[in-house]
Amino acid sequence: MRTYERMIGNDKYQFRLTAGAQKALEKRFGVTGLQLILESAANAERMTAILAASANYKGNENPTVDGEMIYDLLVDDGIAGEDGFFEISLGIAVASGIMNETNAGKTMEAIAKAVEETYASLDPTGEKDAEAAEN
């Protein structure tokens, strides 16, 4: 079975949203699988649901299938921000047939650019950094 593999701490996790898991999540949240993936990075409830469902496929050998625990382990492992969690969601989407790799890559590039532009707009001149360095 094709999966998205990721080391979290010292443990290897494999994630895959099976067709049954996708249908259950779509019914639970009232959106398509693609919408769920695209909205998950900014919504902890959806992200933890995706993590739990995708870690809990038949025959998995994951150390835990608890979505909230996996979320916290990812944070402990350095994943942060919408771009960090979006990368996880996209990996799961590709392994699950929700998106192809090309579209996932383009989507990640757009998200990374949007995040960069948002932070740059908070202080576009860099004056605050210069003032802090002087003091």
N, C-alpha and C. Protein backbone atom coordinates (compact mmCIF):
# COMPACT_ATOMS: atom_id res chain seq x y z
N MET A 1 0.84 -1.18 0.00
CA MET A 1 0.00 0.00 0.00
C MET A 1 0.89 1.24 0.00
N ARG A 2 0.57 2.17 -0.85
CA ARG A 2 1.31 3.43 -0.93
C ARG A 2 0.98 4.27 0.30
N THR A 3 2.02 4.79 0.93
CA THR A 3 1.83 5.62 2.12
C THR A 3 2.77 6.82 2.09
N TYR A 4 2.45 7.80 2.91
CA TYR A 4 3.33 8.94 3.16
C TYR A 4 4.11 8.58 4.42
N GLU A 5 5.41 8.43 4.29
CA GLU A 5 6.25 8.05 5.42
C GLU A 5 6.95 9.27 5.99
N ARG A 6 7.03 9.29 7.32
CA ARG A 6 7.68 10.40 7.99
C ARG A 6 8.25 9.92 9.31
N MET A 7 9.48 10.31 9.56
CA MET A 7 10.07 10.06 10.87
C MET A 7 9.58 11.15 11.82
N ILE A 8 9.08 10.75 12.95
CA ILE A 8 8.67 11.68 14.00
C ILE A 8 9.43 11.24 15.24
N GLY A 9 10.39 12.07 15.65
CA GLY A 9 11.29 11.64 16.71
C GLY A 9 12.10 10.47 16.20
N ASN A 10 12.08 9.37 16.93
CA ASN A 10 12.82 8.17 16.53
C ASN A 10 11.92 7.12 15.90
N ASP A 11 10.67 7.46 15.65
CA ASP A 11 9.72 6.49 15.13
C ASP A 11 9.30 6.82 13.71
N LYS A 12 9.13 5.76 12.92
CA LYS A 12 8.65 5.92 11.55
C LYS A 12 7.13 5.77 11.55
N TYR A 13 6.47 6.75 10.95
CA TYR A 13 5.02 6.72 10.79
C TYR A 13 4.69 6.62 9.31
N GLN A 14 3.59 5.95 9.03
CA GLN A 14 3.09 5.86 7.67
C GLN A 14 1.63 6.30 7.68
N PHE A 15 1.28 7.14 6.70
CA PHE A 15 -0.06 7.72 6.64
C PHE A 15 -0.69 7.43 5.29
N ARG A 16 -1.99 7.11 5.33
CA ARG A 16 -2.75 6.87 4.09
C ARG A 16 -4.23 6.99 4.41
N LEU A 17 -4.92 7.87 3.71
CA LEU A 17 -6.37 7.95 3.85
C LEU A 17 -6.97 6.97 2.85
N THR A 18 -7.50 5.87 3.36
CA THR A 18 -8.15 4.91 2.48
C THR A 18 -9.44 5.51 1.95
N ALA A 19 -10.05 4.88 0.99
CA ALA A 19 -11.32 5.36 0.44
C ALA A 19 -12.37 5.45 1.55
N GLY A 20 -12.42 4.45 2.41
CA GLY A 20 -13.38 4.47 3.51
C GLY A 20 -13.14 5.62 4.47
N ALA A 21 -11.88 5.87 4.77
CA ALA A 21 -11.54 6.98 5.67
C ALA A 21 -11.89 8.32 5.03
N GLN A 22 -11.63 8.45 3.74
CA GLN A 22 -11.97 9.69 3.05
C GLN A 22 -13.48 9.93 3.09
N LYS A 23 -14.26 8.89 2.83
CA LYS A 23 -15.72 9.04 2.84
C LYS A 23 -16.22 9.41 4.23
N ALA A 24 -15.64 8.80 5.26
CA ALA A 24 -16.06 9.10 6.64
C ALA A 24 -15.73 10.55 7.00
N LEU A 25 -14.54 11.03 6.61
CA LEU A 25 -14.16 12.41 6.90
C LEU A 25 -15.02 13.40 6.11
N GLU A 26 -15.30 13.07 4.85
CA GLU A 26 -16.15 13.94 4.04
C GLU A 26 -17.54 14.07 4.67
N LYS A 27 -18.07 12.96 5.14
CA LYS A 27 -19.38 12.98 5.79
C LYS A 27 -19.33 13.76 7.11
N ARG A 28 -18.30 13.54 7.90
CA ARG A 28 -18.16 14.21 9.20
C ARG A 28 -18.08 15.73 9.06
N PHE A 29 -17.28 16.20 8.09
CA PHE A 29 -17.03 17.64 7.96
C PHE A 29 -17.86 18.31 6.87
N GLY A 30 -18.54 17.54 6.04
CA GLY A 30 -19.39 18.12 5.00
C GLY A 30 -18.63 18.79 3.88
N VAL A 31 -17.43 18.34 3.61
CA VAL A 31 -16.61 18.88 2.51
C VAL A 31 -15.95 17.73 1.78
N THR A 32 -15.44 18.01 0.58
CA THR A 32 -14.72 16.99 -0.18
C THR A 32 -13.36 16.71 0.47
N GLY A 33 -12.75 15.62 0.08
CA GLY A 33 -11.42 15.29 0.59
C GLY A 33 -10.40 16.37 0.28
N LEU A 34 -10.47 16.92 -0.92
CA LEU A 34 -9.54 17.98 -1.30
C LEU A 34 -9.75 19.22 -0.45
N GLN A 35 -11.01 19.61 -0.24
CA GLN A 35 -11.28 20.77 0.62
C GLN A 35 -10.77 20.53 2.03
N LEU A 36 -10.95 19.33 2.52
CA LEU A 36 -10.49 18.99 3.86
C LEU A 36 -8.97 19.16 3.96
N ILE A 37 -8.25 18.67 2.97
CA ILE A 37 -6.79 18.80 2.95
C ILE A 37 -6.39 20.27 2.91
N LEU A 38 -7.04 21.05 2.05
CA LEU A 38 -6.68 22.45 1.88
C LEU A 38 -6.99 23.30 3.11
N GLU A 39 -7.96 22.89 3.89
CA GLU A 39 -8.34 23.64 5.09
C GLU A 39 -7.69 23.13 6.36
N SER A 40 -7.06 21.99 6.32
CA SER A 40 -6.59 21.32 7.53
C SER A 40 -5.47 22.05 8.27
N ALA A 41 -4.57 22.68 7.56
CA ALA A 41 -3.42 23.30 8.22
C ALA A 41 -3.82 24.45 9.13
N ALA A 42 -4.97 25.05 8.87
CA ALA A 42 -5.43 26.17 9.68
C ALA A 42 -6.53 25.76 10.66
N ASN A 43 -6.77 24.45 10.78
CA ASN A 43 -7.86 23.97 11.61
C ASN A 43 -7.40 22.72 12.36
N ALA A 44 -7.13 22.87 13.64
CA ALA A 44 -6.58 21.77 14.44
C ALA A 44 -7.51 20.57 14.48
N GLU A 45 -8.82 20.80 14.52
CA GLU A 45 -9.76 19.67 14.56
C GLU A 45 -9.66 18.84 13.29
N ARG A 46 -9.60 19.52 12.16
CA ARG A 46 -9.49 18.80 10.88
C ARG A 46 -8.12 18.13 10.74
N MET A 47 -7.07 18.83 11.17
CA MET A 47 -5.74 18.26 11.05
C MET A 47 -5.61 17.01 11.91
N THR A 48 -6.08 17.06 13.14
CA THR A 48 -5.97 15.89 14.01
C THR A 48 -6.84 14.75 13.49
N ALA A 49 -7.98 15.07 12.88
CA ALA A 49 -8.83 14.02 12.30
C ALA A 49 -8.14 13.35 11.12
N ILE A 50 -7.48 14.15 10.28
CA ILE A 50 -6.73 13.58 9.15
C ILE A 50 -5.59 12.71 9.65
N LEU A 51 -4.86 13.20 10.65
CA LEU A 51 -3.74 12.41 11.19
C LEU A 51 -4.23 11.09 11.76
N ALA A 52 -5.31 11.13 12.53
CA ALA A 52 -5.84 9.90 13.13
C ALA A 52 -6.31 8.92 12.07
N ALA A 53 -7.11 9.42 11.13
CA ALA A 53 -7.66 8.53 10.10
C ALA A 53 -6.56 7.96 9.20
N SER A 54 -5.58 8.79 8.85
CA SER A 54 -4.54 8.32 7.92
C SER A 54 -3.49 7.45 8.60
N ALA A 55 -3.39 7.52 9.91
CA ALA A 55 -2.45 6.65 10.63
C ALA A 55 -3.08 5.29 10.95
N ASN A 56 -4.41 5.20 10.83
CA ASN A 56 -5.14 4.03 11.29
C ASN A 56 -5.72 3.21 10.15
N TYR A 57 -4.91 2.90 9.15
CA TYR A 57 -5.37 2.03 8.07
C TYR A 57 -5.07 0.58 8.45
N LYS A 58 -5.75 -0.36 7.81
CA LYS A 58 -5.58 -1.78 8.12
C LYS A 58 -4.14 -2.21 7.91
N GLY A 59 -3.57 -2.83 8.92
CA GLY A 59 -2.19 -3.32 8.84
C GLY A 59 -1.13 -2.31 9.21
N ASN A 60 -1.53 -1.14 9.72
CA ASN A 60 -0.53 -0.13 10.07
C ASN A 60 0.32 -0.61 11.24
N GLU A 61 1.52 -0.09 11.29
CA GLU A 61 2.44 -0.41 12.39
C GLU A 61 2.87 0.87 13.10
N ASN A 62 2.03 1.88 13.05
CA ASN A 62 2.37 3.16 13.68
C ASN A 62 2.36 3.03 15.19
N PRO A 63 3.28 3.71 15.86
CA PRO A 63 3.35 3.65 17.33
C PRO A 63 2.07 4.13 18.02
N THR A 64 1.36 5.07 17.40
CA THR A 64 0.07 5.52 17.89
C THR A 64 -0.77 5.95 16.70
N VAL A 65 -2.08 5.87 16.85
CA VAL A 65 -2.98 6.34 15.81
C VAL A 65 -3.86 7.47 16.34
N ASP A 66 -3.50 8.01 17.49
CA ASP A 66 -4.23 9.12 18.10
C ASP A 66 -3.80 10.41 17.42
N GLY A 67 -4.72 11.05 16.72
CA GLY A 67 -4.41 12.25 15.94
C GLY A 67 -3.86 13.39 16.76
N GLU A 68 -4.42 13.60 17.95
CA GLU A 68 -3.94 14.69 18.80
C GLU A 68 -2.52 14.41 19.29
N MET A 69 -2.23 13.16 19.61
CA MET A 69 -0.89 12.80 20.06
C MET A 69 0.11 12.97 18.91
N ILE A 70 -0.28 12.54 17.71
CA ILE A 70 0.61 12.69 16.56
C ILE A 70 0.86 14.17 16.27
N TYR A 71 -0.18 14.99 16.36
CA TYR A 71 -0.04 16.44 16.17
C TYR A 71 1.00 17.00 17.14
N ASP A 72 0.86 16.64 18.41
CA ASP A 72 1.80 17.14 19.42
C ASP A 72 3.21 16.61 19.18
N LEU A 73 3.33 15.37 18.73
CA LEU A 73 4.65 14.82 18.41
C LEU A 73 5.28 15.57 17.24
N LEU A 74 4.47 15.94 16.26
CA LEU A 74 4.98 16.73 15.13
C LEU A 74 5.48 18.09 15.60
N VAL A 75 4.73 18.73 16.48
CA VAL A 75 5.17 20.02 17.04
C VAL A 75 6.49 19.84 17.78
N ASP A 76 6.57 18.80 18.61
CA ASP A 76 7.81 18.53 19.34
C ASP A 76 8.98 18.27 18.38
N ASP A 77 8.66 17.78 17.19
CA ASP A 77 9.68 17.46 16.19
C ASP A 77 10.00 18.66 15.30
N GLY A 78 9.38 19.81 15.58
CA GLY A 78 9.74 21.03 14.85
C GLY A 78 8.74 21.49 13.81
N ILE A 79 7.64 20.79 13.61
CA ILE A 79 6.63 21.24 12.66
C ILE A 79 5.87 22.39 13.30
N ALA A 80 5.72 23.47 12.55
CA ALA A 80 5.02 24.64 13.08
C ALA A 80 4.41 25.43 11.93
N GLY A 81 3.38 26.17 12.24
CA GLY A 81 2.77 27.07 11.28
C GLY A 81 1.94 26.34 10.24
N GLU A 82 1.16 27.14 9.55
CA GLU A 82 0.30 26.56 8.52
C GLU A 82 1.12 25.91 7.41
N ASP A 83 2.26 26.49 7.06
CA ASP A 83 3.06 25.89 6.01
C ASP A 83 3.63 24.54 6.44
N GLY A 84 4.02 24.41 7.70
CA GLY A 84 4.54 23.14 8.20
C GLY A 84 3.49 22.04 8.18
N PHE A 85 2.30 22.35 8.68
CA PHE A 85 1.24 21.35 8.70
C PHE A 85 0.65 21.12 7.32
N PHE A 86 0.69 22.15 6.48
CA PHE A 86 0.20 21.98 5.12
C PHE A 86 1.06 20.97 4.36
N GLU A 87 2.36 21.01 4.59
CA GLU A 87 3.25 20.04 3.95
C GLU A 87 2.88 18.61 4.33
N ILE A 88 2.53 18.40 5.61
CA ILE A 88 2.11 17.08 6.07
C ILE A 88 0.82 16.68 5.36
N SER A 89 -0.16 17.58 5.33
CA SER A 89 -1.45 17.30 4.68
C SER A 89 -1.27 16.94 3.21
N LEU A 90 -0.41 17.68 2.53
CA LEU A 90 -0.18 17.41 1.10
C LEU A 90 0.48 16.06 0.88
N GLY A 91 1.41 15.69 1.75
CA GLY A 91 2.03 14.37 1.65
C GLY A 91 0.99 13.26 1.79
N ILE A 92 0.08 13.44 2.73
CA ILE A 92 -0.99 12.45 2.93
C ILE A 92 -1.92 12.45 1.72
N ALA A 93 -2.22 13.63 1.18
CA ALA A 93 -3.11 13.72 0.02
C ALA A 93 -2.53 13.00 -1.19
N VAL A 94 -1.24 13.16 -1.43
CA VAL A 94 -0.59 12.50 -2.57
C VAL A 94 -0.62 10.98 -2.38
N ALA A 95 -0.26 10.52 -1.20
CA ALA A 95 -0.24 9.08 -0.93
C ALA A 95 -1.62 8.47 -1.02
N SER A 96 -2.65 9.29 -0.80
CA SER A 96 -4.03 8.79 -0.77
C SER A 96 -4.77 8.97 -2.08
N GLY A 97 -4.12 9.55 -3.09
CA GLY A 97 -4.74 9.73 -4.38
C GLY A 97 -5.65 10.95 -4.47
N ILE A 98 -5.60 11.83 -3.49
CA ILE A 98 -6.44 13.03 -3.50
C ILE A 98 -5.84 14.09 -4.42
N MET A 99 -4.52 14.14 -4.49
CA MET A 99 -3.80 15.08 -5.35
C MET A 99 -2.64 14.34 -6.00
N ASN A 100 -2.19 14.87 -7.14
CA ASN A 100 -0.96 14.31 -7.70
C ASN A 100 0.22 15.15 -7.20
N GLU A 101 1.42 14.63 -7.37
CA GLU A 101 2.61 15.29 -6.85
C GLU A 101 2.84 16.66 -7.47
N THR A 102 2.56 16.81 -8.74
CA THR A 102 2.76 18.09 -9.41
C THR A 102 1.88 19.17 -8.80
N ASN A 103 0.60 18.86 -8.64
CA ASN A 103 -0.32 19.84 -8.06
C ASN A 103 0.00 20.10 -6.60
N ALA A 104 0.41 19.09 -5.87
CA ALA A 104 0.78 19.29 -4.47
C ALA A 104 2.00 20.21 -4.37
N GLY A 105 2.97 20.01 -5.26
CA GLY A 105 4.15 20.87 -5.27
C GLY A 105 3.81 22.32 -5.59
N LYS A 106 2.96 22.51 -6.58
CA LYS A 106 2.54 23.87 -6.94
C LYS A 106 1.77 24.52 -5.79
N THR A 107 0.93 23.74 -5.13
CA THR A 107 0.15 24.26 -4.01
C THR A 107 1.07 24.64 -2.87
N MET A 108 2.06 23.81 -2.57
CA MET A 108 3.00 24.11 -1.48
C MET A 108 3.80 25.36 -1.80
N GLU A 109 4.21 25.52 -3.05
CA GLU A 109 4.94 26.73 -3.45
C GLU A 109 4.08 27.98 -3.24
N ALA A 110 2.81 27.90 -3.61
CA ALA A 110 1.91 29.04 -3.45
C ALA A 110 1.71 29.37 -1.98
N ILE A 111 1.57 28.35 -1.15
CA ILE A 111 1.38 28.56 0.29
C ILE A 111 2.64 29.18 0.89
N ALA A 112 3.80 28.65 0.54
CA ALA A 112 5.06 29.18 1.07
C ALA A 112 5.24 30.64 0.67
N LYS A 113 4.89 30.96 -0.57
CA LYS A 113 5.01 32.35 -1.04
C LYS A 113 4.04 33.26 -0.28
N ALA A 114 2.82 32.80 -0.07
CA ALA A 114 1.83 33.60 0.65
C ALA A 114 2.25 33.84 2.09
N VAL A 115 2.80 32.82 2.74
CA VAL A 115 3.26 32.96 4.12
C VAL A 115 4.42 33.95 4.17
N GLU A 116 5.37 33.82 3.24
CA GLU A 116 6.52 34.72 3.19
C GLU A 116 6.06 36.17 2.97
N GLU A 117 5.14 36.37 2.06
CA GLU A 117 4.65 37.72 1.78
C GLU A 117 3.89 38.30 2.97
N THR A 118 3.16 37.46 3.67
CA THR A 118 2.44 37.93 4.85
C THR A 118 3.40 38.43 5.91
N TYR A 119 4.44 37.64 6.20
CA TYR A 119 5.40 38.07 7.21
C TYR A 119 6.22 39.28 6.76
N ALA A 120 6.54 39.34 5.48
CA ALA A 120 7.27 40.49 4.96
C ALA A 120 6.43 41.76 5.06
N SER A 121 5.12 41.63 4.90
CA SER A 121 4.25 42.81 4.96
C SER A 121 4.12 43.36 6.37
N LEU A 122 4.45 42.58 7.36
CA LEU A 122 4.38 43.06 8.74
C LEU A 122 5.42 44.13 9.01
N ASP A 123 6.56 44.06 8.32
CA ASP A 123 7.61 45.07 8.43
C ASP A 123 8.39 45.07 7.11
N PRO A 124 7.78 45.61 6.06
CA PRO A 124 8.39 45.53 4.73
C PRO A 124 9.72 46.24 4.59
N THR A 125 10.02 47.21 5.45
CA THR A 125 11.26 47.96 5.31
C THR A 125 12.41 47.35 6.09
N GLY A 126 12.10 46.52 7.05
CA GLY A 126 13.14 45.95 7.90
C GLY A 126 13.63 46.93 8.95
N GLU A 127 12.95 48.07 9.10
CA GLU A 127 13.37 49.11 10.06
C GLU A 127 13.35 48.62 11.50
N LYS A 128 12.36 47.81 11.85
CA LYS A 128 12.26 47.32 13.22
C LYS A 128 13.47 46.44 13.55
N ASP A 129 13.91 45.62 12.58
CA ASP A 129 15.08 44.78 12.82
C ASP A 129 16.34 45.62 12.99
N ALA A 130 16.46 46.67 12.19
CA ALA A 130 17.62 47.55 12.29
C ALA A 130 17.64 48.27 13.63
N GLU A 131 16.47 48.76 14.08
CA GLU A 131 16.39 49.43 15.36
C GLU A 131 16.74 48.49 16.51
N ALA A 132 16.28 47.28 16.45
CA ALA A 132 16.57 46.30 17.49
C ALA A 132 18.06 45.99 17.55
N ALA A 133 18.69 45.92 16.40
CA ALA A 133 20.13 45.62 16.36
C ALA A 133 20.95 46.75 16.95
N GLU A 134 20.47 48.00 16.78
CA GLU A 134 21.20 49.15 17.30
C GLU A 134 21.08 49.24 18.82
N ASN A 135 20.00 48.78 19.38
CA ASN A 135 19.78 48.90 20.83
C ASN A 135 20.34 47.74 21.52
